[in-house]
Amino acid sequence: SKGNEGNWQSMFKHLKEYSKGLAVSFEQVTPKWLEGFKSYLQQVEKKDGTRLSENSIIAYFSRVSTVLKQAIKDDIIQKNPMLQVDAVRSKETRREFLTLEELKKLVDVPCSVPVLKQAFLLVL
């Protein structure tokens, strides 16, 4: 998909920046190198001055892991250096839910488009 392709392209862009435009062989991808790339992703600033989102960091680092797993399958490397690196974990987020009382109140709220109200309540 285009979104998936865009994520791969962004990951490669960051790999290129991290490696300062130099080619990196599989032999150079060590646990230390991977930790450095993870740290780079966590600290890099985008053009607008903000940092990468946690989801982006996880996605990019996961794609590097995917490449290394494929390199094992293709017999390019013998050991996966990613196995010695802690994965990037997402932080627990706090979700908000409607209480039963709030949901009951919504049922009683008039709506000029009944099908819209039904669809909204169904999604909840």
PDB file of N, CA and C in Angstrom:
ATOM      1  N   SER A   1       0.838  -1.185   0.000  1.00  0.00           N
ATOM      2  CA  SER A   1       0.000   0.000   0.000  1.00  0.00           C
ATOM      3  C   SER A   1       0.881   1.246   0.000  1.00  0.00           C
ATOM      4  N   LYS A   2       0.279   2.366  -0.375  1.00  0.00           N
ATOM      5  CA  LYS A   2       1.050   3.612  -0.402  1.00  0.00           C
ATOM      6  C   LYS A   2       1.549   4.006   0.985  1.00  0.00           C
ATOM      7  N   GLY A   3       0.708   3.787   1.998  1.00  0.00           N
ATOM      8  CA  GLY A   3       1.114   4.113   3.369  1.00  0.00           C
ATOM      9  C   GLY A   3       2.295   3.270   3.813  1.00  0.00           C
ATOM     10  N   ASN A   4       2.242   1.985   3.500  1.00  0.00           N
ATOM     11  CA  ASN A   4       3.329   1.086   3.858  1.00  0.00           C
ATOM     12  C   ASN A   4       4.599   1.463   3.100  1.00  0.00           C
ATOM     13  N   GLU A   5       4.447   1.780   1.833  1.00  0.00           N
ATOM     14  CA  GLU A   5       5.598   2.202   1.025  1.00  0.00           C
ATOM     15  C   GLU A   5       6.202   3.485   1.591  1.00  0.00           C
ATOM     16  N   GLY A   6       5.352   4.394   2.005  1.00  0.00           N
ATOM     17  CA  GLY A   6       5.833   5.640   2.602  1.00  0.00           C
ATOM     18  C   GLY A   6       6.609   5.398   3.880  1.00  0.00           C
ATOM     19  N   ASN A   7       6.155   4.448   4.689  1.00  0.00           N
ATOM     20  CA  ASN A   7       6.879   4.115   5.920  1.00  0.00           C
ATOM     21  C   ASN A   7       8.252   3.542   5.608  1.00  0.00           C
ATOM     22  N   TRP A   8       8.329   2.680   4.592  1.00  0.00           N
ATOM     23  CA  TRP A   8       9.627   2.124   4.197  1.00  0.00           C
ATOM     24  C   TRP A   8      10.553   3.237   3.709  1.00  0.00           C
ATOM     25  N   GLN A   9      10.024   4.147   2.899  1.00  0.00           N
ATOM     26  CA  GLN A   9      10.845   5.240   2.385  1.00  0.00           C
ATOM     27  C   GLN A   9      11.333   6.142   3.521  1.00  0.00           C
ATOM     28  N   SER A  10      10.472   6.413   4.481  1.00  0.00           N
ATOM     29  CA  SER A  10      10.874   7.233   5.630  1.00  0.00           C
ATOM     30  C   SER A  10      11.941   6.526   6.453  1.00  0.00           C
ATOM     31  N   MET A  11      11.778   5.220   6.643  1.00  0.00           N
ATOM     32  CA  MET A  11      12.771   4.459   7.393  1.00  0.00           C
ATOM     33  C   MET A  11      14.121   4.525   6.681  1.00  0.00           C
ATOM     34  N   PHE A  12      14.124   4.346   5.351  1.00  0.00           N
ATOM     35  CA  PHE A  12      15.375   4.419   4.602  1.00  0.00           C
ATOM     36  C   PHE A  12      15.992   5.815   4.669  1.00  0.00           C
ATOM     37  N   LYS A  13      15.151   6.843   4.641  1.00  0.00           N
ATOM     38  CA  LYS A  13      15.650   8.215   4.758  1.00  0.00           C
ATOM     39  C   LYS A  13      16.378   8.398   6.090  1.00  0.00           C
ATOM     40  N   HIS A  14      15.783   7.875   7.152  1.00  0.00           N
ATOM     41  CA  HIS A  14      16.415   8.000   8.470  1.00  0.00           C
ATOM     42  C   HIS A  14      17.673   7.139   8.584  1.00  0.00           C
ATOM     43  N   LEU A  15      17.656   5.960   7.976  1.00  0.00           N
ATOM     44  CA  LEU A  15      18.874   5.138   7.965  1.00  0.00           C
ATOM     45  C   LEU A  15      20.008   5.870   7.253  1.00  0.00           C
ATOM     46  N   LYS A  16      19.664   6.515   6.151  1.00  0.00           N
ATOM     47  CA  LYS A  16      20.661   7.263   5.376  1.00  0.00           C
ATOM     48  C   LYS A  16      21.224   8.424   6.203  1.00  0.00           C
ATOM     49  N   GLU A  17      20.333   9.146   6.890  1.00  0.00           N
ATOM     50  CA  GLU A  17      20.787  10.256   7.735  1.00  0.00           C
ATOM     51  C   GLU A  17      21.656   9.741   8.885  1.00  0.00           C
ATOM     52  N   TYR A  18      21.215   8.659   9.513  1.00  0.00           N
ATOM     53  CA  TYR A  18      21.974   8.095  10.642  1.00  0.00           C
ATOM     54  C   TYR A  18      23.359   7.644  10.202  1.00  0.00           C
ATOM     55  N   SER A  19      23.443   7.045   9.011  1.00  0.00           N
ATOM     56  CA  SER A  19      24.737   6.545   8.525  1.00  0.00           C
ATOM     57  C   SER A  19      25.512   7.618   7.757  1.00  0.00           C
ATOM     58  N   LYS A  20      25.007   8.859   7.809  1.00  0.00           N
ATOM     59  CA  LYS A  20      25.656  10.004   7.149  1.00  0.00           C
ATOM     60  C   LYS A  20      25.852   9.763   5.648  1.00  0.00           C
ATOM     61  N   GLY A  21      24.882   9.073   5.038  1.00  0.00           N
ATOM     62  CA  GLY A  21      24.905   8.838   3.609  1.00  0.00           C
ATOM     63  C   GLY A  21      25.831   7.722   3.163  1.00  0.00           C
ATOM     64  N   LEU A  22      26.551   7.110   4.091  1.00  0.00           N
ATOM     65  CA  LEU A  22      27.476   6.038   3.741  1.00  0.00           C
ATOM     66  C   LEU A  22      26.742   4.702   3.660  1.00  0.00           C
ATOM     67  N   ALA A  23      27.182   3.855   2.765  1.00  0.00           N
ATOM     68  CA  ALA A  23      26.604   2.514   2.658  1.00  0.00           C
ATOM     69  C   ALA A  23      26.943   1.732   3.927  1.00  0.00           C
ATOM     70  N   VAL A  24      25.997   0.956   4.389  1.00  0.00           N
ATOM     71  CA  VAL A  24      26.187   0.140   5.586  1.00  0.00           C
ATOM     72  C   VAL A  24      25.981  -1.317   5.198  1.00  0.00           C
ATOM     73  N   SER A  25      26.997  -2.128   5.446  1.00  0.00           N
ATOM     74  CA  SER A  25      26.877  -3.553   5.132  1.00  0.00           C
ATOM     75  C   SER A  25      26.190  -4.263   6.296  1.00  0.00           C
ATOM     76  N   PHE A  26      25.694  -5.455   6.038  1.00  0.00           N
ATOM     77  CA  PHE A  26      25.057  -6.226   7.101  1.00  0.00           C
ATOM     78  C   PHE A  26      26.039  -6.514   8.231  1.00  0.00           C
ATOM     79  N   GLU A  27      27.306  -6.695   7.910  1.00  0.00           N
ATOM     80  CA  GLU A  27      28.312  -6.956   8.943  1.00  0.00           C
ATOM     81  C   GLU A  27      28.476  -5.773   9.892  1.00  0.00           C
ATOM     82  N   GLN A  28      28.190  -4.581   9.408  1.00  0.00           N
ATOM     83  CA  GLN A  28      28.314  -3.380  10.239  1.00  0.00           C
ATOM     84  C   GLN A  28      27.102  -3.185  11.155  1.00  0.00           C
ATOM     85  N   VAL A  29      26.032  -3.885  10.870  1.00  0.00           N
ATOM     86  CA  VAL A  29      24.820  -3.755  11.687  1.00  0.00           C
ATOM     87  C   VAL A  29      24.966  -4.659  12.905  1.00  0.00           C
ATOM     88  N   THR A  30      25.518  -4.075  13.957  1.00  0.00           N
ATOM     89  CA  THR A  30      25.757  -4.775  15.218  1.00  0.00           C
ATOM     90  C   THR A  30      24.715  -4.316  16.235  1.00  0.00           C
ATOM     91  N   PRO A  31      24.630  -5.005  17.376  1.00  0.00           N
ATOM     92  CA  PRO A  31      23.723  -4.513  18.418  1.00  0.00           C
ATOM     93  C   PRO A  31      24.017  -3.056  18.803  1.00  0.00           C
ATOM     94  N   LYS A  32      25.293  -2.693  18.857  1.00  0.00           N
ATOM     95  CA  LYS A  32      25.666  -1.314  19.194  1.00  0.00           C
ATOM     96  C   LYS A  32      25.154  -0.347  18.118  1.00  0.00           C
ATOM     97  N   TRP A  33      25.296  -0.711  16.866  1.00  0.00           N
ATOM     98  CA  TRP A  33      24.815   0.125  15.759  1.00  0.00           C
ATOM     99  C   TRP A  33      23.299   0.282  15.849  1.00  0.00           C
ATOM    100  N   LEU A  34      22.607  -0.819  16.129  1.00  0.00           N
ATOM    101  CA  LEU A  34      21.148  -0.776  16.243  1.00  0.00           C
ATOM    102  C   LEU A  34      20.700   0.101  17.408  1.00  0.00           C
ATOM    103  N   GLU A  35      21.404   0.001  18.536  1.00  0.00           N
ATOM    104  CA  GLU A  35      21.082   0.867  19.685  1.00  0.00           C
ATOM    105  C   GLU A  35      21.279   2.329  19.314  1.00  0.00           C
ATOM    106  N   GLY A  36      22.323   2.590  18.541  1.00  0.00           N
ATOM    107  CA  GLY A  36      22.573   3.953  18.077  1.00  0.00           C
ATOM    108  C   GLY A  36      21.464   4.454  17.167  1.00  0.00           C
ATOM    109  N   PHE A  37      20.995   3.592  16.269  1.00  0.00           N
ATOM    110  CA  PHE A  37      19.909   3.980  15.367  1.00  0.00           C
ATOM    111  C   PHE A  37      18.630   4.221  16.162  1.00  0.00           C
ATOM    112  N   LYS A  38      18.372   3.375  17.143  1.00  0.00           N
ATOM    113  CA  LYS A  38      17.186   3.563  17.983  1.00  0.00           C
ATOM    114  C   LYS A  38      17.268   4.903  18.715  1.00  0.00           C
ATOM    115  N   SER A  39      18.432   5.207  19.257  1.00  0.00           N
ATOM    116  CA  SER A  39      18.636   6.482  19.953  1.00  0.00           C
ATOM    117  C   SER A  39      18.463   7.662  18.998  1.00  0.00           C
ATOM    118  N   TYR A  40      18.996   7.512  17.780  1.00  0.00           N
ATOM    119  CA  TYR A  40      18.833   8.547  16.761  1.00  0.00           C
ATOM    120  C   TYR A  40      17.351   8.806  16.502  1.00  0.00           C
ATOM    121  N   LEU A  41      16.572   7.735  16.304  1.00  0.00           N
ATOM    122  CA  LEU A  41      15.145   7.891  16.029  1.00  0.00           C
ATOM    123  C   LEU A  41      14.428   8.601  17.176  1.00  0.00           C
ATOM    124  N   GLN A  42      14.850   8.315  18.390  1.00  0.00           N
ATOM    125  CA  GLN A  42      14.197   8.911  19.557  1.00  0.00           C
ATOM    126  C   GLN A  42      14.566  10.384  19.746  1.00  0.00           C
ATOM    127  N   GLN A  43      15.670  10.808  19.125  1.00  0.00           N
ATOM    128  CA  GLN A  43      16.140  12.179  19.336  1.00  0.00           C
ATOM    129  C   GLN A  43      16.022  13.083  18.116  1.00  0.00           C
ATOM    130  N   VAL A  44      15.855  12.501  16.940  1.00  0.00           N
ATOM    131  CA  VAL A  44      15.844  13.304  15.721  1.00  0.00           C
ATOM    132  C   VAL A  44      14.652  14.268  15.726  1.00  0.00           C
ATOM    133  N   GLU A  45      14.886  15.446  15.187  1.00  0.00           N
ATOM    134  CA  GLU A  45      13.811  16.432  15.070  1.00  0.00           C
ATOM    135  C   GLU A  45      13.368  16.531  13.624  1.00  0.00           C
ATOM    136  N   LYS A  46      12.062  16.640  13.446  1.00  0.00           N
ATOM    137  CA  LYS A  46      11.508  16.833  12.111  1.00  0.00           C
ATOM    138  C   LYS A  46      11.683  18.299  11.717  1.00  0.00           C
ATOM    139  N   LYS A  47      11.316  18.616  10.486  1.00  0.00           N
ATOM    140  CA  LYS A  47      11.467  19.984   9.978  1.00  0.00           C
ATOM    141  C   LYS A  47      10.729  21.004  10.832  1.00  0.00           C
ATOM    142  N   ASP A  48       9.600  20.593  11.419  1.00  0.00           N
ATOM    143  CA  ASP A  48       8.818  21.529  12.232  1.00  0.00           C
ATOM    144  C   ASP A  48       9.313  21.629  13.669  1.00  0.00           C
ATOM    145  N   GLY A  49      10.427  20.947  13.975  1.00  0.00           N
ATOM    146  CA  GLY A  49      11.019  21.037  15.300  1.00  0.00           C
ATOM    147  C   GLY A  49      10.500  20.009  16.297  1.00  0.00           C
ATOM    148  N   THR A  50       9.515  19.223  15.901  1.00  0.00           N
ATOM    149  CA  THR A  50       8.990  18.197  16.806  1.00  0.00           C
ATOM    150  C   THR A  50       9.766  16.894  16.593  1.00  0.00           C
ATOM    151  N   ARG A  51       9.641  16.011  17.544  1.00  0.00           N
ATOM    152  CA  ARG A  51      10.290  14.705  17.446  1.00  0.00           C
ATOM    153  C   ARG A  51       9.353  13.714  16.752  1.00  0.00           C
ATOM    154  N   LEU A  52       9.917  12.610  16.303  1.00  0.00           N
ATOM    155  CA  LEU A  52       9.111  11.556  15.701  1.00  0.00           C
ATOM    156  C   LEU A  52       8.136  11.009  16.734  1.00  0.00           C
ATOM    157  N   SER A  53       6.980  10.616  16.280  1.00  0.00           N
ATOM    158  CA  SER A  53       6.014  10.011  17.194  1.00  0.00           C
ATOM    159  C   SER A  53       6.516   8.638  17.607  1.00  0.00           C
ATOM    160  N   GLU A  54       6.034   8.185  18.729  1.00  0.00           N
ATOM    161  CA  GLU A  54       6.419   6.870  19.212  1.00  0.00           C
ATOM    162  C   GLU A  54       6.035   5.783  18.203  1.00  0.00           C
ATOM    163  N   ASN A  55       4.868   5.932  17.582  1.00  0.00           N
ATOM    164  CA  ASN A  55       4.433   4.961  16.586  1.00  0.00           C
ATOM    165  C   ASN A  55       5.377   4.929  15.383  1.00  0.00           C
ATOM    166  N   SER A  56       5.879   6.085  14.960  1.00  0.00           N
ATOM    167  CA  SER A  56       6.828   6.128  13.850  1.00  0.00           C
ATOM    168  C   SER A  56       8.133   5.435  14.229  1.00  0.00           C
ATOM    169  N   ILE A  57       8.617   5.703  15.415  1.00  0.00           N
ATOM    170  CA  ILE A  57       9.857   5.080  15.880  1.00  0.00           C
ATOM    171  C   ILE A  57       9.706   3.564  15.897  1.00  0.00           C
ATOM    172  N   ILE A  58       8.589   3.098  16.428  1.00  0.00           N
ATOM    173  CA  ILE A  58       8.332   1.655  16.480  1.00  0.00           C
ATOM    174  C   ILE A  58       8.258   1.081  15.068  1.00  0.00           C
ATOM    175  N   ALA A  59       7.566   1.771  14.173  1.00  0.00           N
ATOM    176  CA  ALA A  59       7.410   1.287  12.794  1.00  0.00           C
ATOM    177  C   ALA A  59       8.758   1.209  12.080  1.00  0.00           C
ATOM    178  N   TYR A  60       9.588   2.253  12.190  1.00  0.00           N
ATOM    179  CA  TYR A  60      10.869   2.270  11.495  1.00  0.00           C
ATOM    180  C   TYR A  60      11.807   1.197  12.054  1.00  0.00           C
ATOM    181  N   PHE A  61      11.857   1.082  13.374  1.00  0.00           N
ATOM    182  CA  PHE A  61      12.748   0.097  13.990  1.00  0.00           C
ATOM    183  C   PHE A  61      12.276  -1.320  13.662  1.00  0.00           C
ATOM    184  N   SER A  62      10.977  -1.494  13.601  1.00  0.00           N
ATOM    185  CA  SER A  62      10.406  -2.795  13.252  1.00  0.00           C
ATOM    186  C   SER A  62      10.777  -3.183  11.816  1.00  0.00           C
ATOM    187  N   ARG A  63      10.822  -2.224  10.922  1.00  0.00           N
ATOM    188  CA  ARG A  63      11.176  -2.506   9.536  1.00  0.00           C
ATOM    189  C   ARG A  63      12.641  -2.928   9.418  1.00  0.00           C
ATOM    190  N   VAL A  64      13.496  -2.343  10.224  1.00  0.00           N
ATOM    191  CA  VAL A  64      14.897  -2.778  10.236  1.00  0.00           C
ATOM    192  C   VAL A  64      14.954  -4.232  10.702  1.00  0.00           C
ATOM    193  N   SER A  65      14.178  -4.560  11.702  1.00  0.00           N
ATOM    194  CA  SER A  65      14.110  -5.934  12.183  1.00  0.00           C
ATOM    195  C   SER A  65      13.627  -6.882  11.087  1.00  0.00           C
ATOM    196  N   THR A  66      12.644  -6.446  10.319  1.00  0.00           N
ATOM    197  CA  THR A  66      12.121  -7.243   9.211  1.00  0.00           C
ATOM    198  C   THR A  66      13.213  -7.510   8.175  1.00  0.00           C
ATOM    199  N   VAL A  67      14.003  -6.491   7.867  1.00  0.00           N
ATOM    200  CA  VAL A  67      15.093  -6.646   6.900  1.00  0.00           C
ATOM    201  C   VAL A  67      16.120  -7.657   7.418  1.00  0.00           C
ATOM    202  N   LEU A  68      16.438  -7.582   8.697  1.00  0.00           N
ATOM    203  CA  LEU A  68      17.420  -8.510   9.263  1.00  0.00           C
ATOM    204  C   LEU A  68      16.895  -9.943   9.268  1.00  0.00           C
ATOM    205  N   LYS A  69      15.615 -10.109   9.557  1.00  0.00           N
ATOM    206  CA  LYS A  69      15.023 -11.451   9.516  1.00  0.00           C
ATOM    207  C   LYS A  69      15.065 -12.020   8.100  1.00  0.00           C
ATOM    208  N   GLN A  70      14.814 -11.180   7.109  1.00  0.00           N
ATOM    209  CA  GLN A  70      14.879 -11.630   5.724  1.00  0.00           C
ATOM    210  C   GLN A  70      16.314 -11.968   5.334  1.00  0.00           C
ATOM    211  N   ALA A  71      17.266 -11.211   5.846  1.00  0.00           N
ATOM    212  CA  ALA A  71      18.679 -11.491   5.553  1.00  0.00           C
ATOM    213  C   ALA A  71      19.087 -12.856   6.111  1.00  0.00           C
ATOM    214  N   ILE A  72      18.533 -13.232   7.247  1.00  0.00           N
ATOM    215  CA  ILE A  72      18.776 -14.564   7.802  1.00  0.00           C
ATOM    216  C   ILE A  72      18.193 -15.615   6.854  1.00  0.00           C
ATOM    217  N   LYS A  73      16.932 -15.414   6.450  1.00  0.00           N
ATOM    218  CA  LYS A  73      16.269 -16.365   5.543  1.00  0.00           C
ATOM    219  C   LYS A  73      17.025 -16.512   4.230  1.00  0.00           C
ATOM    220  N   ASP A  74      17.565 -15.396   3.742  1.00  0.00           N
ATOM    221  CA  ASP A  74      18.290 -15.406   2.465  1.00  0.00           C
ATOM    222  C   ASP A  74      19.749 -15.834   2.627  1.00  0.00           C
ATOM    223  N   ASP A  75      20.115 -16.233   3.838  1.00  0.00           N
ATOM    224  CA  ASP A  75      21.465 -16.708   4.149  1.00  0.00           C
ATOM    225  C   ASP A  75      22.533 -15.639   3.885  1.00  0.00           C
ATOM    226  N   ILE A  76      22.171 -14.382   4.110  1.00  0.00           N
ATOM    227  CA  ILE A  76      23.121 -13.275   3.963  1.00  0.00           C
ATOM    228  C   ILE A  76      23.898 -13.091   5.263  1.00  0.00           C
ATOM    229  N   ILE A  77      23.196 -13.258   6.379  1.00  0.00           N
ATOM    230  CA  ILE A  77      23.834 -13.205   7.696  1.00  0.00           C
ATOM    231  C   ILE A  77      23.458 -14.466   8.467  1.00  0.00           C
ATOM    232  N   GLN A  78      24.275 -14.803   9.441  1.00  0.00           N
ATOM    233  CA  GLN A  78      24.044 -16.027  10.216  1.00  0.00           C
ATOM    234  C   GLN A  78      23.286 -15.758  11.509  1.00  0.00           C
ATOM    235  N   LYS A  79      23.578 -14.612  12.137  1.00  0.00           N
ATOM    236  CA  LYS A  79      22.932 -14.273  13.406  1.00  0.00           C
ATOM    237  C   LYS A  79      22.246 -12.924  13.276  1.00  0.00           C
ATOM    238  N   ASN A  80      21.122 -12.799  13.941  1.00  0.00           N
ATOM    239  CA  ASN A  80      20.360 -11.547  13.908  1.00  0.00           C
ATOM    240  C   ASN A  80      20.787 -10.669  15.082  1.00  0.00           C
ATOM    241  N   PRO A  81      21.474  -9.564  14.819  1.00  0.00           N
ATOM    242  CA  PRO A  81      21.924  -8.697  15.909  1.00  0.00           C
ATOM    243  C   PRO A  81      20.761  -8.044  16.661  1.00  0.00           C
ATOM    244  N   MET A  82      19.587  -8.024  16.046  1.00  0.00           N
ATOM    245  CA  MET A  82      18.422  -7.424  16.696  1.00  0.00           C
ATOM    246  C   MET A  82      18.012  -8.212  17.939  1.00  0.00           C
ATOM    247  N   LEU A  83      18.385  -9.489  17.995  1.00  0.00           N
ATOM    248  CA  LEU A  83      18.022 -10.326  19.138  1.00  0.00           C
ATOM    249  C   LEU A  83      18.691  -9.854  20.432  1.00  0.00           C
ATOM    250  N   GLN A  84      19.742  -9.059  20.299  1.00  0.00           N
ATOM    251  CA  GLN A  84      20.463  -8.553  21.465  1.00  0.00           C
ATOM    252  C   GLN A  84      20.073  -7.115  21.812  1.00  0.00           C
ATOM    253  N   VAL A  85      19.040  -6.622  21.152  1.00  0.00           N
ATOM    254  CA  VAL A  85      18.606  -5.237  21.348  1.00  0.00           C
ATOM    255  C   VAL A  85      17.171  -5.233  21.858  1.00  0.00           C
ATOM    256  N   ASP A  86      16.927  -4.424  22.871  1.00  0.00           N
ATOM    257  CA  ASP A  86      15.561  -4.299  23.368  1.00  0.00           C
ATOM    258  C   ASP A  86      14.704  -3.600  22.323  1.00  0.00           C
ATOM    259  N   ALA A  87      13.539  -4.160  22.095  1.00  0.00           N
ATOM    260  CA  ALA A  87      12.606  -3.564  21.141  1.00  0.00           C
ATOM    261  C   ALA A  87      12.120  -2.221  21.661  1.00  0.00           C
ATOM    262  N   VAL A  88      11.688  -1.383  20.748  1.00  0.00           N
ATOM    263  CA  VAL A  88      11.079  -0.117  21.132  1.00  0.00           C
ATOM    264  C   VAL A  88       9.644  -0.437  21.545  1.00  0.00           C
ATOM    265  N   ARG A  89       9.317  -0.130  22.754  1.00  0.00           N
ATOM    266  CA  ARG A  89       7.990  -0.448  23.277  1.00  0.00           C
ATOM    267  C   ARG A  89       7.152   0.817  23.338  1.00  0.00           C
ATOM    268  N   SER A  90       5.882   0.649  23.048  1.00  0.00           N
ATOM    269  CA  SER A  90       4.989   1.797  23.162  1.00  0.00           C
ATOM    270  C   SER A  90       4.628   1.994  24.622  1.00  0.00           C
ATOM    271  N   LYS A  91       4.484   3.227  24.987  1.00  0.00           N
ATOM    272  CA  LYS A  91       4.077   3.547  26.349  1.00  0.00           C
ATOM    273  C   LYS A  91       2.590   3.294  26.492  1.00  0.00           C
ATOM    274  N   GLU A  92       2.220   2.932  27.680  1.00  0.00           N
ATOM    275  CA  GLU A  92       0.808   2.682  27.920  1.00  0.00           C
ATOM    276  C   GLU A  92       0.044   3.998  27.807  1.00  0.00           C
ATOM    277  N   THR A  93      -1.037   3.952  27.075  1.00  0.00           N
ATOM    278  CA  THR A  93      -1.848   5.148  26.920  1.00  0.00           C
ATOM    279  C   THR A  93      -3.106   5.012  27.757  1.00  0.00           C
ATOM    280  N   ARG A  94      -3.642   6.124  28.132  1.00  0.00           N
ATOM    281  CA  ARG A  94      -4.862   6.127  28.920  1.00  0.00           C
ATOM    282  C   ARG A  94      -6.039   6.313  27.973  1.00  0.00           C
ATOM    283  N   ARG A  95      -6.938   5.391  28.020  1.00  0.00           N
ATOM    284  CA  ARG A  95      -8.113   5.473  27.163  1.00  0.00           C
ATOM    285  C   ARG A  95      -9.284   5.972  27.977  1.00  0.00           C
ATOM    286  N   GLU A  96     -10.107   6.747  27.328  1.00  0.00           N
ATOM    287  CA  GLU A  96     -11.312   7.260  27.951  1.00  0.00           C
ATOM    288  C   GLU A  96     -12.506   6.481  27.424  1.00  0.00           C
ATOM    289  N   PHE A  97     -13.363   6.092  28.310  1.00  0.00           N
ATOM    290  CA  PHE A  97     -14.568   5.375  27.931  1.00  0.00           C
ATOM    291  C   PHE A  97     -15.777   6.088  28.505  1.00  0.00           C
ATOM    292  N   LEU A  98     -16.880   5.960  27.809  1.00  0.00           N
ATOM    293  CA  LEU A  98     -18.131   6.514  28.329  1.00  0.00           C
ATOM    294  C   LEU A  98     -18.655   5.585  29.421  1.00  0.00           C
ATOM    295  N   THR A  99     -19.186   6.194  30.465  1.00  0.00           N
ATOM    296  CA  THR A  99     -19.824   5.392  31.497  1.00  0.00           C
ATOM    297  C   THR A  99     -21.197   4.959  30.994  1.00  0.00           C
ATOM    298  N   LEU A 100     -21.789   4.019  31.676  1.00  0.00           N
ATOM    299  CA  LEU A 100     -23.114   3.559  31.295  1.00  0.00           C
ATOM    300  C   LEU A 100     -24.117   4.712  31.389  1.00  0.00           C
ATOM    301  N   GLU A 101     -23.965   5.542  32.400  1.00  0.00           N
ATOM    302  CA  GLU A 101     -24.870   6.690  32.560  1.00  0.00           C
ATOM    303  C   GLU A 101     -24.727   7.668  31.396  1.00  0.00           C
ATOM    304  N   GLU A 102     -23.495   7.930  30.980  1.00  0.00           N
ATOM    305  CA  GLU A 102     -23.275   8.842  29.854  1.00  0.00           C
ATOM    306  C   GLU A 102     -23.862   8.269  28.573  1.00  0.00           C
ATOM    307  N   LEU A 103     -23.712   6.988  28.386  1.00  0.00           N
ATOM    308  CA  LEU A 103     -24.269   6.334  27.208  1.00  0.00           C
ATOM    309  C   LEU A 103     -25.792   6.420  27.202  1.00  0.00           C
ATOM    310  N   LYS A 104     -26.399   6.240  28.365  1.00  0.00           N
ATOM    311  CA  LYS A 104     -27.858   6.337  28.471  1.00  0.00           C
ATOM    312  C   LYS A 104     -28.325   7.755  28.134  1.00  0.00           C
ATOM    313  N   LYS A 105     -27.566   8.745  28.564  1.00  0.00           N
ATOM    314  CA  LYS A 105     -27.912  10.130  28.248  1.00  0.00           C
ATOM    315  C   LYS A 105     -27.852  10.370  26.740  1.00  0.00           C
ATOM    316  N   LEU A 106     -26.852   9.798  26.092  1.00  0.00           N
ATOM    317  CA  LEU A 106     -26.730   9.962  24.638  1.00  0.00           C
ATOM    318  C   LEU A 106     -27.914   9.348  23.896  1.00  0.00           C
ATOM    319  N   VAL A 107     -28.403   8.250  24.397  1.00  0.00           N
ATOM    320  CA  VAL A 107     -29.555   7.602  23.768  1.00  0.00           C
ATOM    321  C   VAL A 107     -30.753   8.537  23.775  1.00  0.00           C
ATOM    322  N   ASP A 108     -30.883   9.325  24.826  1.00  0.00           N
ATOM    323  CA  ASP A 108     -32.032  10.226  24.972  1.00  0.00           C
ATOM    324  C   ASP A 108     -31.866  11.566  24.250  1.00  0.00           C
ATOM    325  N   VAL A 109     -30.698  11.861  23.748  1.00  0.00           N
ATOM    326  CA  VAL A 109     -30.468  13.137  23.065  1.00  0.00           C
ATOM    327  C   VAL A 109     -31.135  13.088  21.693  1.00  0.00           C
ATOM    328  N   PRO A 110     -31.966  14.109  21.386  1.00  0.00           N
ATOM    329  CA  PRO A 110     -32.619  14.118  20.070  1.00  0.00           C
ATOM    330  C   PRO A 110     -31.612  14.375  18.953  1.00  0.00           C
ATOM    331  N   CYS A 111     -31.894  13.795  17.790  1.00  0.00           N
ATOM    332  CA  CYS A 111     -31.023  13.965  16.628  1.00  0.00           C
ATOM    333  C   CYS A 111     -31.919  14.067  15.399  1.00  0.00           C
ATOM    334  N   SER A 112     -31.638  15.034  14.536  1.00  0.00           N
ATOM    335  CA  SER A 112     -32.481  15.234  13.355  1.00  0.00           C
ATOM    336  C   SER A 112     -32.244  14.169  12.277  1.00  0.00           C
ATOM    337  N   VAL A 113     -31.177  13.417  12.412  1.00  0.00           N
ATOM    338  CA  VAL A 113     -30.885  12.344  11.454  1.00  0.00           C
ATOM    339  C   VAL A 113     -30.775  11.035  12.254  1.00  0.00           C
ATOM    340  N   PRO A 114     -31.868  10.324  12.433  1.00  0.00           N
ATOM    341  CA  PRO A 114     -31.877   9.130  13.278  1.00  0.00           C
ATOM    342  C   PRO A 114     -30.846   8.064  12.883  1.00  0.00           C
ATOM    343  N   VAL A 115     -30.633   7.871  11.598  1.00  0.00           N
ATOM    344  CA  VAL A 115     -29.673   6.860  11.176  1.00  0.00           C
ATOM    345  C   VAL A 115     -28.252   7.237  11.605  1.00  0.00           C
ATOM    346  N   LEU A 116     -27.945   8.511  11.632  1.00  0.00           N
ATOM    347  CA  LEU A 116     -26.650   8.979  12.095  1.00  0.00           C
ATOM    348  C   LEU A 116     -26.463   8.681  13.572  1.00  0.00           C
ATOM    349  N   LYS A 117     -27.508   8.930  14.327  1.00  0.00           N
ATOM    350  CA  LYS A 117     -27.468   8.645  15.775  1.00  0.00           C
ATOM    351  C   LYS A 117     -27.272   7.157  16.002  1.00  0.00           C
ATOM    352  N   GLN A 118     -28.000   6.337  15.260  1.00  0.00           N
ATOM    353  CA  GLN A 118     -27.880   4.891  15.403  1.00  0.00           C
ATOM    354  C   GLN A 118     -26.469   4.410  15.059  1.00  0.00           C
ATOM    355  N   ALA A 119     -25.909   4.976  13.994  1.00  0.00           N
ATOM    356  CA  ALA A 119     -24.549   4.600  13.586  1.00  0.00           C
ATOM    357  C   ALA A 119     -23.549   5.009  14.661  1.00  0.00           C
ATOM    358  N   PHE A 120     -23.712   6.193  15.214  1.00  0.00           N
ATOM    359  CA  PHE A 120     -22.811   6.672  16.255  1.00  0.00           C
ATOM    360  C   PHE A 120     -22.874   5.762  17.469  1.00  0.00           C
ATOM    361  N   LEU A 121     -24.073   5.419  17.904  1.00  0.00           N
ATOM    362  CA  LEU A 121     -24.232   4.568  19.072  1.00  0.00           C
ATOM    363  C   LEU A 121     -23.724   3.148  18.796  1.00  0.00           C
ATOM    364  N   LEU A 122     -23.841   2.694  17.567  1.00  0.00           N
ATOM    365  CA  LEU A 122     -23.362   1.377  17.215  1.00  0.00           C
ATOM    366  C   LEU A 122     -21.837   1.320  17.314  1.00  0.00           C
ATOM    367  N   VAL A 123     -21.182   2.392  16.903  1.00  0.00           N
ATOM    368  CA  VAL A 123     -19.724   2.456  16.968  1.00  0.00           C
ATOM    369  C   VAL A 123     -19.256   2.441  18.410  1.00  0.00           C
ATOM    370  N   LEU A 124     -20.000   3.075  19.271  1.00  0.00           N
ATOM    371  CA  LEU A 124     -19.623   3.095  20.682  1.00  0.00           C
ATOM    372  C   LEU A 124     -19.732   1.716  21.253  1.00  0.00           C
TER     373      LEU A 124
END
